[in-house]
PDB file of N, CA and C in Angstrom:
ATOM      1  N   MET A   1     158.915  22.841   2.884  1.00  0.00           N
ATOM      2  CA  MET A   1     160.148  22.105   3.057  1.00  0.00           C
ATOM      3  C   MET A   1     160.206  21.580   4.481  1.00  0.00           C
ATOM      4  N   ARG A   2     160.643  20.340   4.602  1.00  0.00           N
ATOM      5  CA  ARG A   2     160.716  19.726   5.921  1.00  0.00           C
ATOM      6  C   ARG A   2     161.925  20.216   6.692  1.00  0.00           C
ATOM      7  N   LYS A   3     161.749  20.306   7.995  1.00  0.00           N
ATOM      8  CA  LYS A   3     162.854  20.684   8.861  1.00  0.00           C
ATOM      9  C   LYS A   3     163.755  19.476   9.055  1.00  0.00           C
ATOM     10  N   LYS A   4     165.057  19.678   8.899  1.00  0.00           N
ATOM     11  CA  LYS A   4     165.999  18.582   9.070  1.00  0.00           C
ATOM     12  C   LYS A   4     166.352  18.446  10.537  1.00  0.00           C
ATOM     13  N   THR A   5     166.352  17.213  10.985  1.00  0.00           N
ATOM     14  CA  THR A   5     166.764  16.925  12.353  1.00  0.00           C
ATOM     15  C   THR A   5     167.912  15.950  12.306  1.00  0.00           C
ATOM     16  N   ARG A   6     168.723  16.000  13.305  1.00  0.00           N
ATOM     17  CA  ARG A   6     169.863  15.093  13.370  1.00  0.00           C
ATOM     18  C   ARG A   6     169.820  14.344  14.683  1.00  0.00           C
ATOM     19  N   VAL A   7     170.009  13.045  14.596  1.00  0.00           N
ATOM     20  CA  VAL A   7     170.027  12.206  15.781  1.00  0.00           C
ATOM     21  C   VAL A   7     171.438  12.223  16.349  1.00  0.00           C
ATOM     22  N   VAL A   8     171.540  12.550  17.621  1.00  0.00           N
ATOM     23  CA  VAL A   8     172.840  12.571  18.283  1.00  0.00           C
ATOM     24  C   VAL A   8     172.770  11.649  19.489  1.00  0.00           C
ATOM     25  N   ALA A   9     173.734  10.757  19.579  1.00  0.00           N
ATOM     26  CA  ALA A   9     173.763   9.835  20.711  1.00  0.00           C
ATOM     27  C   ALA A   9     174.166  10.596  21.966  1.00  0.00           C
ATOM     28  N   LYS A  10     173.367  10.487  23.009  1.00  0.00           N
ATOM     29  CA  LYS A  10     173.671  11.164  24.261  1.00  0.00           C
ATOM     30  C   LYS A  10     174.533  10.299  25.166  1.00  0.00           C
ATOM     31  N   SER A  11     174.604   9.036  24.836  1.00  0.00           N
ATOM     32  CA  SER A  11     175.401   8.105  25.617  1.00  0.00           C
ATOM     33  C   SER A  11     176.614   7.703  24.802  1.00  0.00           C
ATOM     34  N   THR A  12     177.666   7.352  25.470  1.00  0.00           N
ATOM     35  CA  THR A  12     178.852   6.906  24.744  1.00  0.00           C
ATOM     36  C   THR A  12     178.867   5.396  24.583  1.00  0.00           C
ATOM     37  N   SER A  13     177.774   4.735  24.944  1.00  0.00           N
ATOM     38  CA  SER A  13     177.737   3.277  24.794  1.00  0.00           C
ATOM     39  C   SER A  13     177.849   2.924  23.314  1.00  0.00           C
ATOM     40  N   GLY A  14     178.549   1.823  23.043  1.00  0.00           N
ATOM     41  CA  GLY A  14     178.826   1.423  21.671  1.00  0.00           C
ATOM     42  C   GLY A  14     177.596   1.201  20.827  1.00  0.00           C
ATOM     43  N   ALA A  15     176.588   0.529  21.385  1.00  0.00           N
ATOM     44  CA  ALA A  15     175.389   0.195  20.610  1.00  0.00           C
ATOM     45  C   ALA A  15     174.635   1.452  20.199  1.00  0.00           C
ATOM     46  N   LYS A  16     174.521   2.400  21.109  1.00  0.00           N
ATOM     47  CA  LYS A  16     173.789   3.626  20.774  1.00  0.00           C
ATOM     48  C   LYS A  16     174.551   4.460  19.757  1.00  0.00           C
ATOM     49  N   THR A  17     175.864   4.474  19.850  1.00  0.00           N
ATOM     50  CA  THR A  17     176.659   5.216  18.880  1.00  0.00           C
ATOM     51  C   THR A  17     176.541   4.581  17.504  1.00  0.00           C
ATOM     52  N   VAL A  18     176.591   3.271  17.424  1.00  0.00           N
ATOM     53  CA  VAL A  18     176.452   2.567  16.145  1.00  0.00           C
ATOM     54  C   VAL A  18     175.077   2.849  15.549  1.00  0.00           C
ATOM     55  N   LEU A  19     174.050   2.795  16.372  1.00  0.00           N
ATOM     56  CA  LEU A  19     172.696   3.069  15.898  1.00  0.00           C
ATOM     57  C   LEU A  19     172.575   4.509  15.413  1.00  0.00           C
ATOM     58  N   ALA A  20     173.082   5.452  16.189  1.00  0.00           N
ATOM     59  CA  ALA A  20     173.013   6.861  15.795  1.00  0.00           C
ATOM     60  C   ALA A  20     173.773   7.097  14.490  1.00  0.00           C
ATOM     61  N   ASP A  21     174.932   6.468  14.342  1.00  0.00           N
ATOM     62  CA  ASP A  21     175.712   6.604  13.106  1.00  0.00           C
ATOM     63  C   ASP A  21     174.955   6.015  11.925  1.00  0.00           C
ATOM     64  N   ALA A  22     174.328   4.862  12.132  1.00  0.00           N
ATOM     65  CA  ALA A  22     173.568   4.220  11.052  1.00  0.00           C
ATOM     66  C   ALA A  22     172.373   5.070  10.638  1.00  0.00           C
ATOM     67  N   VAL A  23     171.686   5.635  11.615  1.00  0.00           N
ATOM     68  CA  VAL A  23     170.534   6.491  11.314  1.00  0.00           C
ATOM     69  C   VAL A  23     170.993   7.749  10.592  1.00  0.00           C
ATOM     70  N   ASP A  24     172.102   8.331  11.023  1.00  0.00           N
ATOM     71  CA  ASP A  24     172.634   9.536  10.389  1.00  0.00           C
ATOM     72  C   ASP A  24     173.047   9.256   8.948  1.00  0.00           C
ATOM     73  N   GLU A  25     173.712   8.126   8.727  1.00  0.00           N
ATOM     74  CA  GLU A  25     174.115   7.753   7.369  1.00  0.00           C
ATOM     75  C   GLU A  25     172.896   7.492   6.488  1.00  0.00           C
ATOM     76  N   ALA A  26     171.903   6.798   7.025  1.00  0.00           N
ATOM     77  CA  ALA A  26     170.681   6.525   6.271  1.00  0.00           C
ATOM     78  C   ALA A  26     169.965   7.822   5.921  1.00  0.00           C
ATOM     79  N   SER A  27     169.921   8.729   6.874  1.00  0.00           N
ATOM     80  CA  SER A  27     169.274  10.018   6.637  1.00  0.00           C
ATOM     81  C   SER A  27     169.970  10.790   5.527  1.00  0.00           C
ATOM     82  N   ASN A  28     171.299  10.795   5.540  1.00  0.00           N
ATOM     83  CA  ASN A  28     172.058  11.500   4.494  1.00  0.00           C
ATOM     84  C   ASN A  28     171.821  10.889   3.119  1.00  0.00           C
ATOM     85  N   ARG A  29     171.818   9.565   3.046  1.00  0.00           N
ATOM     86  CA  ARG A  29     171.589   8.906   1.756  1.00  0.00           C
ATOM     87  C   ARG A  29     170.164   9.144   1.255  1.00  0.00           C
ATOM     88  N   LEU A  30     169.194   9.108   2.166  1.00  0.00           N
ATOM     89  CA  LEU A  30     167.812   9.357   1.755  1.00  0.00           C
ATOM     90  C   LEU A  30     167.613  10.813   1.334  1.00  0.00           C
ATOM     91  N   ALA A  31     168.345  11.743   1.938  1.00  0.00           N
ATOM     92  CA  ALA A  31     168.284  13.143   1.514  1.00  0.00           C
ATOM     93  C   ALA A  31     168.820  13.294   0.087  1.00  0.00           C
ATOM     94  N   LYS A  32     169.881  12.546  -0.237  1.00  0.00           N
ATOM     95  CA  LYS A  32     170.417  12.566  -1.598  1.00  0.00           C
ATOM     96  C   LYS A  32     169.402  11.985  -2.582  1.00  0.00           C
ATOM     97  N   ALA A  33     168.755  10.892  -2.176  1.00  0.00           N
ATOM     98  CA  ALA A  33     167.739  10.278  -3.039  1.00  0.00           C
ATOM     99  C   ALA A  33     166.576  11.244  -3.261  1.00  0.00           C
ATOM    100  N   GLU A  34     166.182  11.945  -2.210  1.00  0.00           N
ATOM    101  CA  GLU A  34     165.104  12.925  -2.325  1.00  0.00           C
ATOM    102  C   GLU A  34     165.491  14.047  -3.289  1.00  0.00           C
ATOM    103  N   ALA A  35     166.736  14.500  -3.219  1.00  0.00           N
ATOM    104  CA  ALA A  35     167.210  15.550  -4.123  1.00  0.00           C
ATOM    105  C   ALA A  35     167.204  15.065  -5.571  1.00  0.00           C
ATOM    106  N   LEU A  36     167.657  13.831  -5.791  1.00  0.00           N
ATOM    107  CA  LEU A  36     167.639  13.275  -7.150  1.00  0.00           C
ATOM    108  C   LEU A  36     166.217  13.183  -7.685  1.00  0.00           C
ATOM    109  N   LEU A  37     165.294  12.731  -6.852  1.00  0.00           N
ATOM    110  CA  LEU A  37     163.894  12.636  -7.287  1.00  0.00           C
ATOM    111  C   LEU A  37     163.307  14.017  -7.574  1.00  0.00           C
ATOM    112  N   GLY A  38     163.699  15.001  -6.783  1.00  0.00           N
ATOM    113  CA  GLY A  38     163.230  16.369  -7.027  1.00  0.00           C
ATOM    114  C   GLY A  38     163.719  16.900  -8.364  1.00  0.00           C
ATOM    115  N   CYS A  39     164.984  16.643  -8.685  1.00  0.00           N
ATOM    116  CA  CYS A  39     165.531  17.061  -9.980  1.00  0.00           C
ATOM    117  C   CYS A  39     164.805  16.356 -11.121  1.00  0.00           C
ATOM    118  N   MET A  40     164.569  15.068 -10.939  1.00  0.00           N
ATOM    119  CA  MET A  40     163.898  14.298 -11.978  1.00  0.00           C
ATOM    120  C   MET A  40     162.465  14.795 -12.182  1.00  0.00           C
ATOM    121  N   ALA A  41     161.769  15.054 -11.097  1.00  0.00           N
ATOM    122  CA  ALA A  41     160.391  15.546 -11.195  1.00  0.00           C
ATOM    123  C   ALA A  41     160.348  16.894 -11.910  1.00  0.00           C
ATOM    124  N   PHE A  42     161.275  17.778 -11.575  1.00  0.00           N
ATOM    125  CA  PHE A  42     161.338  19.091 -12.226  1.00  0.00           C
ATOM    126  C   PHE A  42     161.603  18.936 -13.712  1.00  0.00           C
ATOM    127  N   GLY A  43     162.573  18.096 -14.059  1.00  0.00           N
ATOM    128  CA  GLY A  43     162.903  17.879 -15.461  1.00  0.00           C
ATOM    129  C   GLY A  43     161.749  17.286 -16.250  1.00  0.00           C
ATOM    130  N   LEU A  44     161.056  16.334 -15.651  1.00  0.00           N
ATOM    131  CA  LEU A  44     159.913  15.721 -16.339  1.00  0.00           C
ATOM    132  C   LEU A  44     158.739  16.691 -16.460  1.00  0.00           C
ATOM    133  N   LEU A  45     158.550  17.501 -15.452  1.00  0.00           N
ATOM    134  CA  LEU A  45     157.455  18.463 -15.467  1.00  0.00           C
ATOM    135  C   LEU A  45     157.607  19.452 -16.618  1.00  0.00           C
ATOM    136  N   TYR A  46     158.840  19.851 -16.888  1.00  0.00           N
ATOM    137  CA  TYR A  46     159.092  20.847 -17.928  1.00  0.00           C
ATOM    138  C   TYR A  46     159.735  20.251 -19.176  1.00  0.00           C
ATOM    139  N   SER A  47     159.579  18.953 -19.375  1.00  0.00           N
ATOM    140  CA  SER A  47     160.198  18.292 -20.526  1.00  0.00           C
ATOM    141  C   SER A  47     159.664  18.806 -21.855  1.00  0.00           C
ATOM    142  N   ASP A  48     158.434  19.292 -21.885  1.00  0.00           N
ATOM    143  CA  ASP A  48     157.859  19.817 -23.127  1.00  0.00           C
ATOM    144  C   ASP A  48     158.599  21.059 -23.615  1.00  0.00           C
ATOM    145  N   TYR A  49     159.268  21.752 -22.710  1.00  0.00           N
ATOM    146  CA  TYR A  49     159.947  22.997 -23.052  1.00  0.00           C
ATOM    147  C   TYR A  49     161.433  22.782 -23.349  1.00  0.00           C
ATOM    148  N   GLN A  50     161.887  21.547 -23.293  1.00  0.00           N
ATOM    149  CA  GLN A  50     163.302  21.256 -23.523  1.00  0.00           C
ATOM    150  C   GLN A  50     163.501  20.781 -24.955  1.00  0.00           C
ATOM    151  N   GLU A  51     164.396  21.435 -25.662  1.00  0.00           N
ATOM    152  CA  GLU A  51     164.667  21.046 -27.044  1.00  0.00           C
ATOM    153  C   GLU A  51     165.460  19.738 -27.121  1.00  0.00           C
ATOM    154  N   ASP A  52     166.366  19.561 -26.182  1.00  0.00           N
ATOM    155  CA  ASP A  52     167.228  18.369 -26.224  1.00  0.00           C
ATOM    156  C   ASP A  52     166.855  17.374 -25.120  1.00  0.00           C
ATOM    157  N   PHE A  53     165.579  17.113 -24.980  1.00  0.00           N
ATOM    158  CA  PHE A  53     165.084  16.187 -23.957  1.00  0.00           C
ATOM    159  C   PHE A  53     165.598  14.782 -24.245  1.00  0.00           C
ATOM    160  N   ASP A  54     166.229  14.177 -23.254  1.00  0.00           N
ATOM    161  CA  ASP A  54     166.758  12.822 -23.405  1.00  0.00           C
ATOM    162  C   ASP A  54     166.254  11.980 -22.236  1.00  0.00           C
ATOM    163  N   ALA A  55     165.348  11.068 -22.519  1.00  0.00           N
ATOM    164  CA  ALA A  55     164.768  10.222 -21.471  1.00  0.00           C
ATOM    165  C   ALA A  55     165.832   9.366 -20.795  1.00  0.00           C
ATOM    166  N   GLY A  56     166.931   9.083 -21.473  1.00  0.00           N
ATOM    167  CA  GLY A  56     168.004   8.293 -20.894  1.00  0.00           C
ATOM    168  C   GLY A  56     168.604   8.946 -19.662  1.00  0.00           C
ATOM    169  N   ASP A  57     168.637  10.276 -19.647  1.00  0.00           N
ATOM    170  CA  ASP A  57     169.141  10.991 -18.467  1.00  0.00           C
ATOM    171  C   ASP A  57     168.276  10.699 -17.252  1.00  0.00           C
ATOM    172  N   PHE A  58     166.976  10.629 -17.457  1.00  0.00           N
ATOM    173  CA  PHE A  58     166.069  10.366 -16.349  1.00  0.00           C
ATOM    174  C   PHE A  58     166.155   8.919 -15.879  1.00  0.00           C
ATOM    175  N   ALA A  59     166.436   8.030 -16.805  1.00  0.00           N
ATOM    176  CA  ALA A  59     166.643   6.629 -16.427  1.00  0.00           C
ATOM    177  C   ALA A  59     167.878   6.506 -15.540  1.00  0.00           C
ATOM    178  N   THR A  60     168.903   7.262 -15.853  1.00  0.00           N
ATOM    179  CA  THR A  60     170.123   7.260 -15.041  1.00  0.00           C
ATOM    180  C   THR A  60     169.837   7.802 -13.648  1.00  0.00           C
ATOM    181  N   LEU A  61     169.095   8.897 -13.569  1.00  0.00           N
ATOM    182  CA  LEU A  61     168.716   9.452 -12.266  1.00  0.00           C
ATOM    183  C   LEU A  61     167.887   8.461 -11.459  1.00  0.00           C
ATOM    184  N   ALA A  62     166.953   7.798 -12.112  1.00  0.00           N
ATOM    185  CA  ALA A  62     166.114   6.819 -11.416  1.00  0.00           C
ATOM    186  C   ALA A  62     166.958   5.661 -10.891  1.00  0.00           C
ATOM    187  N   GLU A  63     167.924   5.204 -11.664  1.00  0.00           N
ATOM    188  CA  GLU A  63     168.783   4.103 -11.228  1.00  0.00           C
ATOM    189  C   GLU A  63     169.677   4.531 -10.067  1.00  0.00           C
ATOM    190  N   MET A  64     170.183   5.753 -10.097  1.00  0.00           N
ATOM    191  CA  MET A  64     170.995   6.266  -8.991  1.00  0.00           C
ATOM    192  C   MET A  64     170.165   6.322  -7.711  1.00  0.00           C
ATOM    193  N   THR A  65     168.930   6.766  -7.838  1.00  0.00           N
ATOM    194  CA  THR A  65     168.043   6.857  -6.680  1.00  0.00           C
ATOM    195  C   THR A  65     167.726   5.472  -6.138  1.00  0.00           C
ATOM    196  N   ARG A  66     167.432   4.534  -7.037  1.00  0.00           N
ATOM    197  CA  ARG A  66     167.180   3.152  -6.614  1.00  0.00           C
ATOM    198  C   ARG A  66     168.367   2.590  -5.852  1.00  0.00           C
ATOM    199  N   SER A  67     169.551   2.862  -6.349  1.00  0.00           N
ATOM    200  CA  SER A  67     170.764   2.366  -5.714  1.00  0.00           C
ATOM    201  C   SER A  67     170.940   2.947  -4.311  1.00  0.00           C
ATOM    202  N   LEU A  68     170.700   4.239  -4.160  1.00  0.00           N
ATOM    203  CA  LEU A  68     170.807   4.867  -2.833  1.00  0.00           C
ATOM    204  C   LEU A  68     169.807   4.265  -1.853  1.00  0.00           C
ATOM    205  N   VAL A  69     168.572   4.099  -2.288  1.00  0.00           N
ATOM    206  CA  VAL A  69     167.535   3.543  -1.412  1.00  0.00           C
ATOM    207  C   VAL A  69     167.858   2.087  -1.058  1.00  0.00           C
ATOM    208  N   ALA A  70     168.334   1.323  -2.027  1.00  0.00           N
ATOM    209  CA  ALA A  70     168.697  -0.075  -1.763  1.00  0.00           C
ATOM    210  C   ALA A  70     169.848  -0.163  -0.765  1.00  0.00           C
ATOM    211  N   THR A  71     170.810   0.736  -0.883  1.00  0.00           N
ATOM    212  CA  THR A  71     171.932   0.760   0.057  1.00  0.00           C
ATOM    213  C   THR A  71     171.448   1.044   1.470  1.00  0.00           C
ATOM    214  N   VAL A  72     170.547   2.008   1.613  1.00  0.00           N
ATOM    215  CA  VAL A  72     169.989   2.326   2.936  1.00  0.00           C
ATOM    216  C   VAL A  72     169.260   1.112   3.488  1.00  0.00           C
ATOM    217  N   ARG A  73     168.430   0.498   2.656  1.00  0.00           N
ATOM    218  CA  ARG A  73     167.663  -0.677   3.089  1.00  0.00           C
ATOM    219  C   ARG A  73     168.591  -1.800   3.527  1.00  0.00           C
ATOM    220  N   ASP A  74     169.604  -2.084   2.723  1.00  0.00           N
ATOM    221  CA  ASP A  74     170.537  -3.161   3.049  1.00  0.00           C
ATOM    222  C   ASP A  74     171.308  -2.871   4.331  1.00  0.00           C
ATOM    223  N   ASN A  75     171.764  -1.634   4.480  1.00  0.00           N
ATOM    224  CA  ASN A  75     172.495  -1.266   5.694  1.00  0.00           C
ATOM    225  C   ASN A  75     171.619  -1.378   6.933  1.00  0.00           C
ATOM    226  N   LEU A  76     170.374  -0.947   6.832  1.00  0.00           N
ATOM    227  CA  LEU A  76     169.475  -1.048   7.980  1.00  0.00           C
ATOM    228  C   LEU A  76     169.117  -2.498   8.267  1.00  0.00           C
ATOM    229  N   ASP A  77     168.970  -3.317   7.208  1.00  0.00           N
ATOM    230  CA  ASP A  77     168.709  -4.742   7.407  1.00  0.00           C
ATOM    231  C   ASP A  77     169.876  -5.414   8.116  1.00  0.00           C
ATOM    232  N   SER A  78     171.101  -5.090   7.689  1.00  0.00           N
ATOM    233  CA  SER A  78     172.266  -5.717   8.321  1.00  0.00           C
ATOM    234  C   SER A  78     172.410  -5.237   9.760  1.00  0.00           C
ATOM    235  N   LEU A  79     172.044  -3.997  10.026  1.00  0.00           N
ATOM    236  CA  LEU A  79     172.093  -3.483  11.397  1.00  0.00           C
ATOM    237  C   LEU A  79     171.089  -4.227  12.265  1.00  0.00           C
ATOM    238  N   THR A  80     169.902  -4.467  11.732  1.00  0.00           N
ATOM    239  CA  THR A  80     168.871  -5.194  12.457  1.00  0.00           C
ATOM    240  C   THR A  80     169.317  -6.623  12.721  1.00  0.00           C
ATOM    241  N   MET A  81     169.907  -7.261  11.713  1.00  0.00           N
ATOM    242  CA  MET A  81     170.370  -8.642  11.885  1.00  0.00           C
ATOM    243  C   MET A  81     171.510  -8.727  12.879  1.00  0.00           C
ATOM    244  N   SER A  82     172.405  -7.753  12.871  1.00  0.00           N
ATOM    245  CA  SER A  82     173.528  -7.784  13.814  1.00  0.00           C
ATOM    246  C   SER A  82     173.067  -7.541  15.239  1.00  0.00           C
ATOM    247  N   ALA A  83     171.886  -6.959  15.398  1.00  0.00           N
ATOM    248  CA  ALA A  83     171.337  -6.741  16.730  1.00  0.00           C
ATOM    249  C   ALA A  83     170.618  -7.986  17.225  1.00  0.00           C
ATOM    250  N   GLY A  84     170.568  -9.039  16.400  1.00  0.00           N
ATOM    251  CA  GLY A  84     169.952 -10.295  16.802  1.00  0.00           C
ATOM    252  C   GLY A  84     168.460 -10.363  16.573  1.00  0.00           C
ATOM    253  N   ARG A  85     167.979  -9.485  15.704  1.00  0.00           N
ATOM    254  CA  ARG A  85     166.552  -9.503  15.390  1.00  0.00           C
ATOM    255  C   ARG A  85     166.352 -10.203  14.066  1.00  0.00           C
ATOM    256  N   PRO A  86     165.186 -10.790  13.866  1.00  0.00           N
ATOM    257  CA  PRO A  86     164.916 -11.482  12.594  1.00  0.00           C
ATOM    258  C   PRO A  86     164.813 -10.543  11.429  1.00  0.00           C
TER     259      PRO A  86
END
């Protein structure tokens, strides 16, 4: 298991605080996506032993994970654009 680290802004400057907040939010969302993928992997690994296996449940988990990752990507893209980078 990976050790979790948290980025903390040491300066009170606005740009660094915004960046630290964005990184912290992205990290939290990616941790949720990782947890969803872990649940899905476990369920698929042992699907042969499940009497009421429903592939639709896994499709829902995959879509939730896609949505979380897309949100992180979009937020980081908008942060990059607001910083004046291409």
